[in-house]
Each structure stands twice: as structure tokens, then as C-alpha cells.
Amino acid sequence: MDITEKIELHDCPICGGAGILEEEDMGYYVACLDCGSYTGTVGYKDESGKLTAAEKSAMLWNTGKVINSAPGE
């Protein structure tokens, strides 16, 4: 089973759009498909840390700790 299928993501805290968990350069982040808001990347050092990094990234998203590039943000 893919890690992204194990992680539950809430709707975007900014616009209510769908979020997607992405893997990039030994780390995970969540981004909104509609407005582009995103979390910081949570890194991992080896394969055993992948799930933990994905879960931490999802936790940031689900608690509203996101970056938005809208004016005034």
C-alpha cells in the first residue's frame, strides 16, 4: 500500500479545496490543488522515516499550519 493512501487529509484551511501529499527530495509536503497553499517540507533520512515524515506533514496541514502566497499573508 502506498503511504499517501494511509494518510488522511482535511480540506484546505484557506479555501476548502483538496490537498495532495507530495514527496520531494527526501521529504513530504501537502499542497492545495486549488489555491496553492502548502506546508513546509518534512524531511526524512532513510526509508524507515518516510511514514513519520508523511504523517507530520499531514498533521501540519490538518491543523492549518500552511503557507499561502496571497497578498497580506
PDB file of N, CA and C in Angstrom:
ATOM      1  N   MET A   1       0.843  -1.183   0.000  1.00  0.00           N
ATOM      2  CA  MET A   1       0.000   0.000   0.000  1.00  0.00           C
ATOM      3  C   MET A   1       0.887   1.244   0.000  1.00  0.00           C
ATOM      4  N   ASP A   2       0.508   2.213  -0.768  1.00  0.00           N
ATOM      5  CA  ASP A   2       1.219   3.478  -0.875  1.00  0.00           C
ATOM      6  C   ASP A   2       1.000   4.315   0.389  1.00  0.00           C
ATOM      7  N   ILE A   3       2.038   5.030   0.825  1.00  0.00           N
ATOM      8  CA  ILE A   3       1.938   5.870   2.028  1.00  0.00           C
ATOM      9  C   ILE A   3       0.821   6.894   1.895  1.00  0.00           C
ATOM     10  N   THR A   4       0.667   7.472   0.719  1.00  0.00           N
ATOM     11  CA  THR A   4      -0.343   8.520   0.544  1.00  0.00           C
ATOM     12  C   THR A   4      -1.761   7.992   0.753  1.00  0.00           C
ATOM     13  N   GLU A   5      -1.966   6.691   0.602  1.00  0.00           N
ATOM     14  CA  GLU A   5      -3.290   6.108   0.833  1.00  0.00           C
ATOM     15  C   GLU A   5      -3.566   5.913   2.319  1.00  0.00           C
ATOM     16  N   LYS A   6      -2.527   5.919   3.156  1.00  0.00           N
ATOM     17  CA  LYS A   6      -2.678   5.726   4.598  1.00  0.00           C
ATOM     18  C   LYS A   6      -2.947   7.025   5.343  1.00  0.00           C
ATOM     19  N   ILE A   7      -2.675   8.154   4.695  1.00  0.00           N
ATOM     20  CA  ILE A   7      -2.734   9.458   5.351  1.00  0.00           C
ATOM     21  C   ILE A   7      -4.054  10.155   5.033  1.00  0.00           C
ATOM     22  N   GLU A   8      -4.734  10.630   6.081  1.00  0.00           N
ATOM     23  CA  GLU A   8      -5.989  11.363   5.896  1.00  0.00           C
ATOM     24  C   GLU A   8      -5.701  12.861   5.887  1.00  0.00           C
ATOM     25  N   LEU A   9      -6.180  13.534   4.857  1.00  0.00           N
ATOM     26  CA  LEU A   9      -6.010  14.980   4.745  1.00  0.00           C
ATOM     27  C   LEU A   9      -7.361  15.676   4.799  1.00  0.00           C
ATOM     28  N   HIS A  10      -7.433  16.728   5.586  1.00  0.00           N
ATOM     29  CA  HIS A  10      -8.639  17.553   5.618  1.00  0.00           C
ATOM     30  C   HIS A  10      -8.633  18.480   4.407  1.00  0.00           C
ATOM     31  N   ASP A  11      -9.746  19.175   4.204  1.00  0.00           N
ATOM     32  CA  ASP A  11      -9.803  20.178   3.137  1.00  0.00           C
ATOM     33  C   ASP A  11      -8.843  21.320   3.470  1.00  0.00           C
ATOM     34  N   CYS A  12      -8.476  22.081   2.462  1.00  0.00           N
ATOM     35  CA  CYS A  12      -7.557  23.202   2.629  1.00  0.00           C
ATOM     36  C   CYS A  12      -8.089  24.173   3.682  1.00  0.00           C
ATOM     37  N   PRO A  13      -7.236  24.571   4.638  1.00  0.00           N
ATOM     38  CA  PRO A  13      -7.693  25.513   5.663  1.00  0.00           C
ATOM     39  C   PRO A  13      -7.902  26.934   5.123  1.00  0.00           C
ATOM     40  N   ILE A  14      -7.420  27.241   3.933  1.00  0.00           N
ATOM     41  CA  ILE A  14      -7.576  28.567   3.347  1.00  0.00           C
ATOM     42  C   ILE A  14      -8.823  28.648   2.468  1.00  0.00           C
ATOM     43  N   CYS A  15      -8.959  27.695   1.519  1.00  0.00           N
ATOM     44  CA  CYS A  15     -10.050  27.805   0.542  1.00  0.00           C
ATOM     45  C   CYS A  15     -11.042  26.635   0.556  1.00  0.00           C
ATOM     46  N   GLY A  16     -10.728  25.571   1.287  1.00  0.00           N
ATOM     47  CA  GLY A  16     -11.619  24.416   1.321  1.00  0.00           C
ATOM     48  C   GLY A  16     -11.381  23.429   0.194  1.00  0.00           C
ATOM     49  N   GLY A  17     -10.358  23.659  -0.609  1.00  0.00           N
ATOM     50  CA  GLY A  17     -10.036  22.762  -1.725  1.00  0.00           C
ATOM     51  C   GLY A  17      -9.367  21.481  -1.249  1.00  0.00           C
ATOM     52  N   ALA A  18      -9.107  20.599  -2.190  1.00  0.00           N
ATOM     53  CA  ALA A  18      -8.480  19.309  -1.893  1.00  0.00           C
ATOM     54  C   ALA A  18      -6.973  19.463  -1.748  1.00  0.00           C
ATOM     55  N   GLY A  19      -6.406  18.765  -0.784  1.00  0.00           N
ATOM     56  CA  GLY A  19      -4.965  18.752  -0.596  1.00  0.00           C
ATOM     57  C   GLY A  19      -4.376  17.467  -1.150  1.00  0.00           C
ATOM     58  N   ILE A  20      -3.102  17.525  -1.519  1.00  0.00           N
ATOM     59  CA  ILE A  20      -2.408  16.351  -2.017  1.00  0.00           C
ATOM     60  C   ILE A  20      -1.060  16.245  -1.319  1.00  0.00           C
ATOM     61  N   LEU A  21      -0.732  15.038  -0.878  1.00  0.00           N
ATOM     62  CA  LEU A  21       0.538  14.765  -0.228  1.00  0.00           C
ATOM     63  C   LEU A  21       1.570  14.471  -1.311  1.00  0.00           C
ATOM     64  N   GLU A  22       2.659  15.231  -1.319  1.00  0.00           N
ATOM     65  CA  GLU A  22       3.696  15.093  -2.338  1.00  0.00           C
ATOM     66  C   GLU A  22       5.030  14.734  -1.690  1.00  0.00           C
ATOM     67  N   GLU A  23       5.800  13.902  -2.380  1.00  0.00           N
ATOM     68  CA  GLU A  23       7.149  13.565  -1.935  1.00  0.00           C
ATOM     69  C   GLU A  23       8.145  14.293  -2.819  1.00  0.00           C
ATOM     70  N   GLU A  24       9.164  14.898  -2.173  1.00  0.00           N
ATOM     71  CA  GLU A  24      10.156  15.647  -2.931  1.00  0.00           C
ATOM     72  C   GLU A  24      11.484  15.644  -2.180  1.00  0.00           C
ATOM     73  N   ASP A  25      12.544  15.192  -2.816  1.00  0.00           N
ATOM     74  CA  ASP A  25      13.902  15.280  -2.262  1.00  0.00           C
ATOM     75  C   ASP A  25      13.995  14.860  -0.796  1.00  0.00           C
ATOM     76  N   MET A  26      13.641  13.622  -0.517  1.00  0.00           N
ATOM     77  CA  MET A  26      13.742  13.069   0.841  1.00  0.00           C
ATOM     78  C   MET A  26      12.858  13.814   1.845  1.00  0.00           C
ATOM     79  N   GLY A  27      11.658  14.195   1.425  1.00  0.00           N
ATOM     80  CA  GLY A  27      10.722  14.860   2.314  1.00  0.00           C
ATOM     81  C   GLY A  27       9.312  14.854   1.750  1.00  0.00           C
ATOM     82  N   TYR A  28       8.357  15.191   2.596  1.00  0.00           N
ATOM     83  CA  TYR A  28       6.947  15.277   2.206  1.00  0.00           C
ATOM     84  C   TYR A  28       6.402  16.658   2.529  1.00  0.00           C
ATOM     85  N   TYR A  29       5.445  17.102   1.717  1.00  0.00           N
ATOM     86  CA  TYR A  29       4.686  18.312   1.988  1.00  0.00           C
ATOM     87  C   TYR A  29       3.288  18.105   1.441  1.00  0.00           C
ATOM     88  N   VAL A  30       2.348  18.938   1.885  1.00  0.00           N
ATOM     89  CA  VAL A  30       0.974  18.894   1.389  1.00  0.00           C
ATOM     90  C   VAL A  30       0.695  20.217   0.693  1.00  0.00           C
ATOM     91  N   ALA A  31       0.029  20.151  -0.463  1.00  0.00           N
ATOM     92  CA  ALA A  31      -0.319  21.354  -1.215  1.00  0.00           C
ATOM     93  C   ALA A  31      -1.788  21.307  -1.617  1.00  0.00           C
ATOM     94  N   CYS A  32      -2.396  22.484  -1.710  1.00  0.00           N
ATOM     95  CA  CYS A  32      -3.781  22.594  -2.156  1.00  0.00           C
ATOM     96  C   CYS A  32      -3.815  22.611  -3.681  1.00  0.00           C
ATOM     97  N   LEU A  33      -4.703  21.841  -4.234  1.00  0.00           N
ATOM     98  CA  LEU A  33      -4.847  21.785  -5.685  1.00  0.00           C
ATOM     99  C   LEU A  33      -5.560  23.012  -6.247  1.00  0.00           C
ATOM    100  N   ASP A  34      -6.237  23.769  -5.391  1.00  0.00           N
ATOM    101  CA  ASP A  34      -6.986  24.935  -5.854  1.00  0.00           C
ATOM    102  C   ASP A  34      -6.233  26.252  -5.665  1.00  0.00           C
ATOM    103  N   CYS A  35      -5.839  26.566  -4.434  1.00  0.00           N
ATOM    104  CA  CYS A  35      -5.250  27.882  -4.172  1.00  0.00           C
ATOM    105  C   CYS A  35      -3.725  27.874  -4.075  1.00  0.00           C
ATOM    106  N   GLY A  36      -3.126  26.697  -3.997  1.00  0.00           N
ATOM    107  CA  GLY A  36      -1.676  26.615  -3.951  1.00  0.00           C
ATOM    108  C   GLY A  36      -1.055  26.728  -2.572  1.00  0.00           C
ATOM    109  N   SER A  37      -1.851  26.827  -1.523  1.00  0.00           N
ATOM    110  CA  SER A  37      -1.294  26.834  -0.168  1.00  0.00           C
ATOM    111  C   SER A  37      -0.534  25.534   0.051  1.00  0.00           C
ATOM    112  N   TYR A  38       0.474  25.570   0.935  1.00  0.00           N
ATOM    113  CA  TYR A  38       1.268  24.369   1.152  1.00  0.00           C
ATOM    114  C   TYR A  38       1.912  24.396   2.532  1.00  0.00           C
ATOM    115  N   THR A  39       2.338  23.235   2.981  1.00  0.00           N
ATOM    116  CA  THR A  39       3.066  23.132   4.238  1.00  0.00           C
ATOM    117  C   THR A  39       4.556  23.195   3.936  1.00  0.00           C
ATOM    118  N   GLY A  40       5.343  23.365   4.956  1.00  0.00           N
ATOM    119  CA  GLY A  40       6.778  23.202   4.795  1.00  0.00           C
ATOM    120  C   GLY A  40       7.073  21.732   4.538  1.00  0.00           C
ATOM    121  N   THR A  41       8.234  21.456   4.006  1.00  0.00           N
ATOM    122  CA  THR A  41       8.628  20.070   3.745  1.00  0.00           C
ATOM    123  C   THR A  41       9.184  19.446   5.018  1.00  0.00           C
ATOM    124  N   VAL A  42       8.693  18.260   5.344  1.00  0.00           N
ATOM    125  CA  VAL A  42       9.184  17.497   6.487  1.00  0.00           C
ATOM    126  C   VAL A  42      10.102  16.405   5.930  1.00  0.00           C
ATOM    127  N   GLY A  43      11.374  16.478   6.262  1.00  0.00           N
ATOM    128  CA  GLY A  43      12.350  15.571   5.685  1.00  0.00           C
ATOM    129  C   GLY A  43      12.490  14.257   6.434  1.00  0.00           C
ATOM    130  N   TYR A  44      13.113  13.305   5.764  1.00  0.00           N
ATOM    131  CA  TYR A  44      13.470  12.019   6.367  1.00  0.00           C
ATOM    132  C   TYR A  44      14.843  11.618   5.856  1.00  0.00           C
ATOM    133  N   LYS A  45      15.553  10.794   6.647  1.00  0.00           N
ATOM    134  CA  LYS A  45      16.920  10.411   6.300  1.00  0.00           C
ATOM    135  C   LYS A  45      17.009   9.062   5.601  1.00  0.00           C
ATOM    136  N   ASP A  46      16.071   8.163   5.927  1.00  0.00           N
ATOM    137  CA  ASP A  46      16.090   6.841   5.304  1.00  0.00           C
ATOM    138  C   ASP A  46      14.669   6.317   5.173  1.00  0.00           C
ATOM    139  N   GLU A  47      14.539   5.175   4.570  1.00  0.00           N
ATOM    140  CA  GLU A  47      13.215   4.602   4.289  1.00  0.00           C
ATOM    141  C   GLU A  47      12.367   4.428   5.550  1.00  0.00           C
ATOM    142  N   SER A  48      12.991   4.157   6.680  1.00  0.00           N
ATOM    143  CA  SER A  48      12.226   3.937   7.911  1.00  0.00           C
ATOM    144  C   SER A  48      11.546   5.216   8.410  1.00  0.00           C
ATOM    145  N   GLY A  49      12.006   6.385   7.959  1.00  0.00           N
ATOM    146  CA  GLY A  49      11.413   7.640   8.400  1.00  0.00           C
ATOM    147  C   GLY A  49      10.358   8.222   7.466  1.00  0.00           C
ATOM    148  N   LYS A  50      10.097   7.535   6.357  1.00  0.00           N
ATOM    149  CA  LYS A  50       9.149   8.074   5.371  1.00  0.00           C
ATOM    150  C   LYS A  50       7.748   8.259   5.938  1.00  0.00           C
ATOM    151  N   LEU A  51       7.224   7.237   6.590  1.00  0.00           N
ATOM    152  CA  LEU A  51       5.859   7.306   7.109  1.00  0.00           C
ATOM    153  C   LEU A  51       5.729   8.409   8.159  1.00  0.00           C
ATOM    154  N   THR A  52       6.699   8.519   9.047  1.00  0.00           N
ATOM    155  CA  THR A  52       6.665   9.552  10.082  1.00  0.00           C
ATOM    156  C   THR A  52       6.674  10.939   9.452  1.00  0.00           C
ATOM    157  N   ALA A  53       7.502  11.149   8.448  1.00  0.00           N
ATOM    158  CA  ALA A  53       7.563  12.447   7.769  1.00  0.00           C
ATOM    159  C   ALA A  53       6.234  12.766   7.089  1.00  0.00           C
ATOM    160  N   ALA A  54       5.637  11.782   6.443  1.00  0.00           N
ATOM    161  CA  ALA A  54       4.347  11.985   5.782  1.00  0.00           C
ATOM    162  C   ALA A  54       3.258  12.321   6.805  1.00  0.00           C
ATOM    163  N   GLU A  55       3.268  11.628   7.933  1.00  0.00           N
ATOM    164  CA  GLU A  55       2.274  11.886   8.976  1.00  0.00           C
ATOM    165  C   GLU A  55       2.444  13.285   9.572  1.00  0.00           C
ATOM    166  N   LYS A  56       3.690  13.718   9.786  1.00  0.00           N
ATOM    167  CA  LYS A  56       3.931  15.052  10.337  1.00  0.00           C
ATOM    168  C   LYS A  56       3.495  16.137   9.360  1.00  0.00           C
ATOM    169  N   SER A  57       3.748  15.920   8.085  1.00  0.00           N
ATOM    170  CA  SER A  57       3.317  16.883   7.076  1.00  0.00           C
ATOM    171  C   SER A  57       1.794  16.989   7.048  1.00  0.00           C
ATOM    172  N   ALA A  58       1.110  15.848   7.126  1.00  0.00           N
ATOM    173  CA  ALA A  58      -0.350  15.836   7.157  1.00  0.00           C
ATOM    174  C   ALA A  58      -0.871  16.520   8.410  1.00  0.00           C
ATOM    175  N   MET A  59      -0.203  16.334   9.538  1.00  0.00           N
ATOM    176  CA  MET A  59      -0.616  16.977  10.781  1.00  0.00           C
ATOM    177  C   MET A  59      -0.520  18.498  10.651  1.00  0.00           C
ATOM    178  N   LEU A  60       0.554  18.985  10.035  1.00  0.00           N
ATOM    179  CA  LEU A  60       0.679  20.427   9.805  1.00  0.00           C
ATOM    180  C   LEU A  60      -0.496  20.948   8.978  1.00  0.00           C
ATOM    181  N   TRP A  61      -0.815  20.236   7.906  1.00  0.00           N
ATOM    182  CA  TRP A  61      -1.917  20.602   7.022  1.00  0.00           C
ATOM    183  C   TRP A  61      -3.244  20.587   7.767  1.00  0.00           C
ATOM    184  N   ASN A  62      -3.494  19.496   8.466  1.00  0.00           N
ATOM    185  CA  ASN A  62      -4.783  19.302   9.134  1.00  0.00           C
ATOM    186  C   ASN A  62      -5.012  20.276  10.290  1.00  0.00           C
ATOM    187  N   THR A  63      -3.932  20.861  10.817  1.00  0.00           N
ATOM    188  CA  THR A  63      -4.081  21.845  11.888  1.00  0.00           C
ATOM    189  C   THR A  63      -3.986  23.280  11.376  1.00  0.00           C
ATOM    190  N   GLY A  64      -3.884  23.448  10.059  1.00  0.00           N
ATOM    191  CA  GLY A  64      -3.935  24.778   9.461  1.00  0.00           C
ATOM    192  C   GLY A  64      -2.606  25.509   9.397  1.00  0.00           C
ATOM    193  N   LYS A  65      -1.509  24.817   9.616  1.00  0.00           N
ATOM    194  CA  LYS A  65      -0.191  25.460   9.557  1.00  0.00           C
ATOM    195  C   LYS A  65       0.331  25.410   8.122  1.00  0.00           C
ATOM    196  N   VAL A  66      -0.168  26.347   7.307  1.00  0.00           N
ATOM    197  CA  VAL A  66       0.157  26.361   5.889  1.00  0.00           C
ATOM    198  C   VAL A  66       0.710  27.715   5.462  1.00  0.00           C
ATOM    199  N   ILE A  67       1.356  27.721   4.320  1.00  0.00           N
ATOM    200  CA  ILE A  67       1.892  28.936   3.714  1.00  0.00           C
ATOM    201  C   ILE A  67       1.002  29.287   2.530  1.00  0.00           C
ATOM    202  N   ASN A  68       0.596  30.552   2.465  1.00  0.00           N
ATOM    203  CA  ASN A  68      -0.245  30.999   1.364  1.00  0.00           C
ATOM    204  C   ASN A  68       0.385  32.244   0.774  1.00  0.00           C
ATOM    205  N   SER A  69       0.453  32.309  -0.530  1.00  0.00           N
ATOM    206  CA  SER A  69       1.125  33.438  -1.168  1.00  0.00           C
ATOM    207  C   SER A  69       0.187  34.572  -1.559  1.00  0.00           C
ATOM    208  N   ALA A  70      -0.991  34.594  -0.985  1.00  0.00           N
ATOM    209  CA  ALA A  70      -1.940  35.679  -1.279  1.00  0.00           C
ATOM    210  C   ALA A  70      -1.429  36.984  -0.651  1.00  0.00           C
ATOM    211  N   PRO A  71      -1.728  38.114  -1.263  1.00  0.00           N
ATOM    212  CA  PRO A  71      -1.302  39.402  -0.706  1.00  0.00           C
ATOM    213  C   PRO A  71      -1.758  39.563   0.744  1.00  0.00           C
ATOM    214  N   GLY A  72      -0.846  39.996   1.596  1.00  0.00           N
ATOM    215  CA  GLY A  72      -1.183  40.221   3.003  1.00  0.00           C
ATOM    216  C   GLY A  72      -1.030  39.018   3.889  1.00  0.00           C
ATOM    217  N   GLU A  73      -0.646  37.899   3.335  1.00  0.00           N
ATOM    218  CA  GLU A  73      -0.491  36.676   4.131  1.00  0.00           C
ATOM    219  C   GLU A  73       0.918  36.566   4.645  1.00  0.00           C
TER     220      GLU A  73
END
